[in-house]
Amino acid sequence: MFQISRNSDFSFSSYINTISWTVEILSHSLPIMLCLYLFTIASLVCIAIAQQHNPELIVNGTANDG
């Protein structure tokens, strides 16, 4: 009986440890993910602005000042 009880406690403890470990990993990686997300958005905005000012830039890969 005691062994079964101890096993169930252990599995529950292991489950809690897994959750806390996952939360810890996410909390550490969240700022990095956020920075990458913002960097991606900024890059897309810059590309959109550049393409709007000079449509040939993205197509040819060269700036055509004309």
PDB file of N, CA and C in Angstrom:
ATOM      1  N   MET A   1       0.846  -1.204   0.000  1.00  0.00           N
ATOM      2  CA  MET A   1       0.000   0.000   0.000  1.00  0.00           C
ATOM      3  C   MET A   1       0.879   1.252   0.000  1.00  0.00           C
ATOM      4  N   PHE A   2       1.862   1.260   0.897  1.00  0.00           N
ATOM      5  CA  PHE A   2       2.717   2.442   1.012  1.00  0.00           C
ATOM      6  C   PHE A   2       3.504   2.673  -0.287  1.00  0.00           C
ATOM      7  N   GLN A   3       3.931   1.555  -0.901  1.00  0.00           N
ATOM      8  CA  GLN A   3       4.698   1.666  -2.145  1.00  0.00           C
ATOM      9  C   GLN A   3       3.844   2.277  -3.262  1.00  0.00           C
ATOM     10  N   ILE A   4       2.589   1.848  -3.356  1.00  0.00           N
ATOM     11  CA  ILE A   4       1.681   2.375  -4.381  1.00  0.00           C
ATOM     12  C   ILE A   4       1.459   3.876  -4.157  1.00  0.00           C
ATOM     13  N   SER A   5       1.205   4.225  -2.891  1.00  0.00           N
ATOM     14  CA  SER A   5       0.984   5.628  -2.544  1.00  0.00           C
ATOM     15  C   SER A   5       2.219   6.463  -2.895  1.00  0.00           C
ATOM     16  N   ARG A   6       3.374   5.910  -2.579  1.00  0.00           N
ATOM     17  CA  ARG A   6       4.617   6.624  -2.849  1.00  0.00           C
ATOM     18  C   ARG A   6       4.814   6.792  -4.357  1.00  0.00           C
ATOM     19  N   ASN A   7       4.460   5.768  -5.122  1.00  0.00           N
ATOM     20  CA  ASN A   7       4.582   5.856  -6.570  1.00  0.00           C
ATOM     21  C   ASN A   7       3.674   6.934  -7.145  1.00  0.00           C
ATOM     22  N   SER A   8       2.438   6.985  -6.667  1.00  0.00           N
ATOM     23  CA  SER A   8       1.509   7.984  -7.185  1.00  0.00           C
ATOM     24  C   SER A   8       1.980   9.391  -6.815  1.00  0.00           C
ATOM     25  N   ASP A   9       2.514   9.544  -5.597  1.00  0.00           N
ATOM     26  CA  ASP A   9       3.073  10.833  -5.203  1.00  0.00           C
ATOM     27  C   ASP A   9       4.244  11.209  -6.102  1.00  0.00           C
ATOM     28  N   PHE A  10       5.062  10.221  -6.408  1.00  0.00           N
ATOM     29  CA  PHE A  10       6.236  10.482  -7.232  1.00  0.00           C
ATOM     30  C   PHE A  10       5.819  10.922  -8.636  1.00  0.00           C
ATOM     31  N   SER A  11       4.827  10.245  -9.209  1.00  0.00           N
ATOM     32  CA  SER A  11       4.404  10.598 -10.559  1.00  0.00           C
ATOM     33  C   SER A  11       3.781  11.999 -10.569  1.00  0.00           C
ATOM     34  N   PHE A  12       3.030  12.316  -9.520  1.00  0.00           N
ATOM     35  CA  PHE A  12       2.440  13.650  -9.421  1.00  0.00           C
ATOM     36  C   PHE A  12       3.536  14.704  -9.284  1.00  0.00           C
ATOM     37  N   SER A  13       4.523  14.415  -8.452  1.00  0.00           N
ATOM     38  CA  SER A  13       5.655  15.328  -8.268  1.00  0.00           C
ATOM     39  C   SER A  13       6.418  15.499  -9.576  1.00  0.00           C
ATOM     40  N   SER A  14       6.601  14.407 -10.291  1.00  0.00           N
ATOM     41  CA  SER A  14       7.288  14.455 -11.578  1.00  0.00           C
ATOM     42  C   SER A  14       6.496  15.295 -12.579  1.00  0.00           C
ATOM     43  N   TYR A  15       5.173  15.153 -12.543  1.00  0.00           N
ATOM     44  CA  TYR A  15       4.289  15.933 -13.413  1.00  0.00           C
ATOM     45  C   TYR A  15       4.428  17.426 -13.112  1.00  0.00           C
ATOM     46  N   ILE A  16       4.420  17.776 -11.823  1.00  0.00           N
ATOM     47  CA  ILE A  16       4.582  19.175 -11.407  1.00  0.00           C
ATOM     48  C   ILE A  16       5.952  19.697 -11.829  1.00  0.00           C
ATOM     49  N   ASN A  17       6.985  18.876 -11.658  1.00  0.00           N
ATOM     50  CA  ASN A  17       8.329  19.281 -12.064  1.00  0.00           C
ATOM     51  C   ASN A  17       8.394  19.540 -13.564  1.00  0.00           C
ATOM     52  N   THR A  18       7.733  18.691 -14.346  1.00  0.00           N
ATOM     53  CA  THR A  18       7.711  18.871 -15.795  1.00  0.00           C
ATOM     54  C   THR A  18       7.039  20.182 -16.162  1.00  0.00           C
ATOM     55  N   ILE A  19       5.916  20.489 -15.502  1.00  0.00           N
ATOM     56  CA  ILE A  19       5.204  21.741 -15.768  1.00  0.00           C
ATOM     57  C   ILE A  19       6.077  22.939 -15.409  1.00  0.00           C
ATOM     58  N   SER A  20       6.689  22.904 -14.234  1.00  0.00           N
ATOM     59  CA  SER A  20       7.519  24.037 -13.808  1.00  0.00           C
ATOM     60  C   SER A  20       8.727  24.195 -14.730  1.00  0.00           C
ATOM     61  N   TRP A  21       9.291  23.071 -15.189  1.00  0.00           N
ATOM     62  CA  TRP A  21      10.425  23.109 -16.117  1.00  0.00           C
ATOM     63  C   TRP A  21       9.995  23.735 -17.442  1.00  0.00           C
ATOM     64  N   THR A  22       8.819  23.335 -17.941  1.00  0.00           N
ATOM     65  CA  THR A  22       8.297  23.895 -19.187  1.00  0.00           C
ATOM     66  C   THR A  22       8.060  25.389 -19.048  1.00  0.00           C
ATOM     67  N   VAL A  23       7.452  25.802 -17.940  1.00  0.00           N
ATOM     68  CA  VAL A  23       7.193  27.225 -17.701  1.00  0.00           C
ATOM     69  C   VAL A  23       8.505  27.999 -17.636  1.00  0.00           C
ATOM     70  N   GLU A  24       9.505  27.401 -16.972  1.00  0.00           N
ATOM     71  CA  GLU A  24      10.807  28.061 -16.857  1.00  0.00           C
ATOM     72  C   GLU A  24      11.453  28.230 -18.228  1.00  0.00           C
ATOM     73  N   ILE A  25      11.419  27.186 -19.042  1.00  0.00           N
ATOM     74  CA  ILE A  25      11.982  27.260 -20.397  1.00  0.00           C
ATOM     75  C   ILE A  25      11.253  28.326 -21.212  1.00  0.00           C
ATOM     76  N   LEU A  26       9.923  28.327 -21.135  1.00  0.00           N
ATOM     77  CA  LEU A  26       9.140  29.310 -21.884  1.00  0.00           C
ATOM     78  C   LEU A  26       9.436  30.724 -21.417  1.00  0.00           C
ATOM     79  N   SER A  27       9.560  30.914 -20.111  1.00  0.00           N
ATOM     80  CA  SER A  27       9.813  32.256 -19.587  1.00  0.00           C
ATOM     81  C   SER A  27      11.192  32.750 -20.011  1.00  0.00           C
ATOM     82  N   HIS A  28      12.146  31.834 -20.172  1.00  0.00           N
ATOM     83  CA  HIS A  28      13.473  32.241 -20.638  1.00  0.00           C
ATOM     84  C   HIS A  28      13.478  32.491 -22.139  1.00  0.00           C
ATOM     85  N   SER A  29      12.729  31.716 -22.896  1.00  0.00           N
ATOM     86  CA  SER A  29      12.760  31.846 -24.352  1.00  0.00           C
ATOM     87  C   SER A  29      11.792  32.910 -24.862  1.00  0.00           C
ATOM     88  N   LEU A  30      10.855  33.332 -24.019  1.00  0.00           N
ATOM     89  CA  LEU A  30       9.858  34.308 -24.461  1.00  0.00           C
ATOM     90  C   LEU A  30      10.471  35.631 -24.905  1.00  0.00           C
ATOM     91  N   PRO A  31      11.399  36.230 -24.147  1.00  0.00           N
ATOM     92  CA  PRO A  31      12.005  37.480 -24.627  1.00  0.00           C
ATOM     93  C   PRO A  31      12.728  37.310 -25.958  1.00  0.00           C
ATOM     94  N   ILE A  32      13.391  36.162 -26.149  1.00  0.00           N
ATOM     95  CA  ILE A  32      14.100  35.895 -27.400  1.00  0.00           C
ATOM     96  C   ILE A  32      13.097  35.781 -28.540  1.00  0.00           C
ATOM     97  N   MET A  33      11.998  35.046 -28.299  1.00  0.00           N
ATOM     98  CA  MET A  33      10.958  34.901 -29.311  1.00  0.00           C
ATOM     99  C   MET A  33      10.360  36.253 -29.659  1.00  0.00           C
ATOM    100  N   LEU A  34      10.121  37.069 -28.634  1.00  0.00           N
ATOM    101  CA  LEU A  34       9.540  38.390 -28.845  1.00  0.00           C
ATOM    102  C   LEU A  34      10.478  39.259 -29.671  1.00  0.00           C
ATOM    103  N   CYS A  35      11.772  39.220 -29.359  1.00  0.00           N
ATOM    104  CA  CYS A  35      12.754  39.991 -30.130  1.00  0.00           C
ATOM    105  C   CYS A  35      12.790  39.530 -31.583  1.00  0.00           C
ATOM    106  N   LEU A  36      12.780  38.213 -31.801  1.00  0.00           N
ATOM    107  CA  LEU A  36      12.783  37.695 -33.167  1.00  0.00           C
ATOM    108  C   LEU A  36      11.521  38.111 -33.913  1.00  0.00           C
ATOM    109  N   TYR A  37      10.385  38.072 -33.223  1.00  0.00           N
ATOM    110  CA  TYR A  37       9.112  38.466 -33.819  1.00  0.00           C
ATOM    111  C   TYR A  37       9.137  39.936 -34.221  1.00  0.00           C
ATOM    112  N   LEU A  38       9.583  40.793 -33.298  1.00  0.00           N
ATOM    113  CA  LEU A  38       9.655  42.225 -33.589  1.00  0.00           C
ATOM    114  C   LEU A  38      10.654  42.508 -34.702  1.00  0.00           C
ATOM    115  N   PHE A  39      11.781  41.792 -34.710  1.00  0.00           N
ATOM    116  CA  PHE A  39      12.776  41.961 -35.760  1.00  0.00           C
ATOM    117  C   PHE A  39      12.193  41.574 -37.118  1.00  0.00           C
ATOM    118  N   THR A  40      11.432  40.482 -37.156  1.00  0.00           N
ATOM    119  CA  THR A  40      10.799  40.042 -38.396  1.00  0.00           C
ATOM    120  C   THR A  40       9.802  41.075 -38.891  1.00  0.00           C
ATOM    121  N   ILE A  41       8.957  41.584 -37.984  1.00  0.00           N
ATOM    122  CA  ILE A  41       7.984  42.614 -38.351  1.00  0.00           C
ATOM    123  C   ILE A  41       8.700  43.852 -38.880  1.00  0.00           C
ATOM    124  N   ALA A  42       9.754  44.284 -38.186  1.00  0.00           N
ATOM    125  CA  ALA A  42      10.506  45.468 -38.613  1.00  0.00           C
ATOM    126  C   ALA A  42      11.122  45.246 -39.991  1.00  0.00           C
ATOM    127  N   SER A  43      11.653  44.058 -40.233  1.00  0.00           N
ATOM    128  CA  SER A  43      12.246  43.750 -41.534  1.00  0.00           C
ATOM    129  C   SER A  43      11.201  43.809 -42.636  1.00  0.00           C
ATOM    130  N   LEU A  44      10.035  43.216 -42.374  1.00  0.00           N
ATOM    131  CA  LEU A  44       8.963  43.237 -43.372  1.00  0.00           C
ATOM    132  C   LEU A  44       8.505  44.660 -43.657  1.00  0.00           C
ATOM    133  N   VAL A  45       8.406  45.476 -42.615  1.00  0.00           N
ATOM    134  CA  VAL A  45       8.005  46.876 -42.790  1.00  0.00           C
ATOM    135  C   VAL A  45       9.050  47.621 -43.612  1.00  0.00           C
ATOM    136  N   CYS A  46      10.323  47.404 -43.309  1.00  0.00           N
ATOM    137  CA  CYS A  46      11.395  48.059 -44.065  1.00  0.00           C
ATOM    138  C   CYS A  46      11.371  47.641 -45.527  1.00  0.00           C
ATOM    139  N   ILE A  47      11.166  46.352 -45.780  1.00  0.00           N
ATOM    140  CA  ILE A  47      11.093  45.858 -47.157  1.00  0.00           C
ATOM    141  C   ILE A  47       9.897  46.475 -47.873  1.00  0.00           C
ATOM    142  N   ALA A  48       8.764  46.553 -47.182  1.00  0.00           N
ATOM    143  CA  ALA A  48       7.561  47.134 -47.784  1.00  0.00           C
ATOM    144  C   ALA A  48       7.781  48.607 -48.125  1.00  0.00           C
ATOM    145  N   ILE A  49       8.405  49.343 -47.211  1.00  0.00           N
ATOM    146  CA  ILE A  49       8.681  50.765 -47.462  1.00  0.00           C
ATOM    147  C   ILE A  49       9.648  50.919 -48.634  1.00  0.00           C
ATOM    148  N   ALA A  50      10.700  50.108 -48.642  1.00  0.00           N
ATOM    149  CA  ALA A  50      11.685  50.177 -49.724  1.00  0.00           C
ATOM    150  C   ALA A  50      11.043  49.835 -51.064  1.00  0.00           C
ATOM    151  N   GLN A  51      10.180  48.841 -51.066  1.00  0.00           N
ATOM    152  CA  GLN A  51       9.524  48.433 -52.305  1.00  0.00           C
ATOM    153  C   GLN A  51       8.546  49.506 -52.772  1.00  0.00           C
ATOM    154  N   GLN A  52       7.909  50.177 -51.833  1.00  0.00           N
ATOM    155  CA  GLN A  52       6.963  51.227 -52.176  1.00  0.00           C
ATOM    156  C   GLN A  52       7.696  52.410 -52.817  1.00  0.00           C
ATOM    157  N   HIS A  53       8.855  52.749 -52.268  1.00  0.00           N
ATOM    158  CA  HIS A  53       9.634  53.864 -52.807  1.00  0.00           C
ATOM    159  C   HIS A  53      10.315  53.488 -54.112  1.00  0.00           C
ATOM    160  N   ASN A  54      10.694  52.226 -54.250  1.00  0.00           N
ATOM    161  CA  ASN A  54      11.425  51.792 -55.430  1.00  0.00           C
ATOM    162  C   ASN A  54      11.030  50.353 -55.765  1.00  0.00           C
ATOM    163  N   PRO A  55       9.993  50.158 -56.570  1.00  0.00           N
ATOM    164  CA  PRO A  55       9.484  48.804 -56.857  1.00  0.00           C
ATOM    165  C   PRO A  55      10.518  47.900 -57.526  1.00  0.00           C
ATOM    166  N   GLU A  56      11.491  48.474 -58.230  1.00  0.00           N
ATOM    167  CA  GLU A  56      12.497  47.659 -58.910  1.00  0.00           C
ATOM    168  C   GLU A  56      13.473  47.022 -57.928  1.00  0.00           C
ATOM    169  N   LEU A  57      13.553  47.577 -56.729  1.00  0.00           N
ATOM    170  CA  LEU A  57      14.556  47.147 -55.752  1.00  0.00           C
ATOM    171  C   LEU A  57      14.417  45.663 -55.416  1.00  0.00           C
ATOM    172  N   ILE A  58      13.206  45.239 -55.105  1.00  0.00           N
ATOM    173  CA  ILE A  58      12.990  43.860 -54.674  1.00  0.00           C
ATOM    174  C   ILE A  58      13.034  42.914 -55.873  1.00  0.00           C
ATOM    175  N   VAL A  59      12.493  43.357 -57.005  1.00  0.00           N
ATOM    176  CA  VAL A  59      12.393  42.480 -58.171  1.00  0.00           C
ATOM    177  C   VAL A  59      13.775  42.171 -58.733  1.00  0.00           C
ATOM    178  N   ASN A  60      14.575  43.213 -58.960  1.00  0.00           N
ATOM    179  CA  ASN A  60      15.879  43.019 -59.594  1.00  0.00           C
ATOM    180  C   ASN A  60      16.995  42.805 -58.593  1.00  0.00           C
ATOM    181  N   GLY A  61      16.772  43.228 -57.360  1.00  0.00           N
ATOM    182  CA  GLY A  61      17.822  43.138 -56.367  1.00  0.00           C
ATOM    183  C   GLY A  61      18.808  44.281 -56.475  1.00  0.00           C
ATOM    184  N   THR A  62      18.519  45.254 -57.344  1.00  0.00           N
ATOM    185  CA  THR A  62      19.390  46.428 -57.478  1.00  0.00           C
ATOM    186  C   THR A  62      18.539  47.674 -57.409  1.00  0.00           C
ATOM    187  N   ALA A  63      19.093  48.730 -56.844  1.00  0.00           N
ATOM    188  CA  ALA A  63      18.366  49.993 -56.766  1.00  0.00           C
ATOM    189  C   ALA A  63      18.500  50.720 -58.098  1.00  0.00           C
ATOM    190  N   ASN A  64      17.372  51.208 -58.604  1.00  0.00           N
ATOM    191  CA  ASN A  64      17.379  51.948 -59.866  1.00  0.00           C
ATOM    192  C   ASN A  64      16.953  53.373 -59.566  1.00  0.00           C
ATOM    193  N   ASP A  65      17.934  54.258 -59.422  1.00  0.00           N
ATOM    194  CA  ASP A  65      17.620  55.640 -59.070  1.00  0.00           C
ATOM    195  C   ASP A  65      17.086  56.413 -60.263  1.00  0.00           C
ATOM    196  N   GLY A  66      17.345  55.928 -61.474  1.00  0.00           N
ATOM    197  CA  GLY A  66      16.804  56.541 -62.673  1.00  0.00           C
ATOM    198  C   GLY A  66      17.489  57.839 -62.999  1.00  0.00           C
TER     199      GLY A  66
END
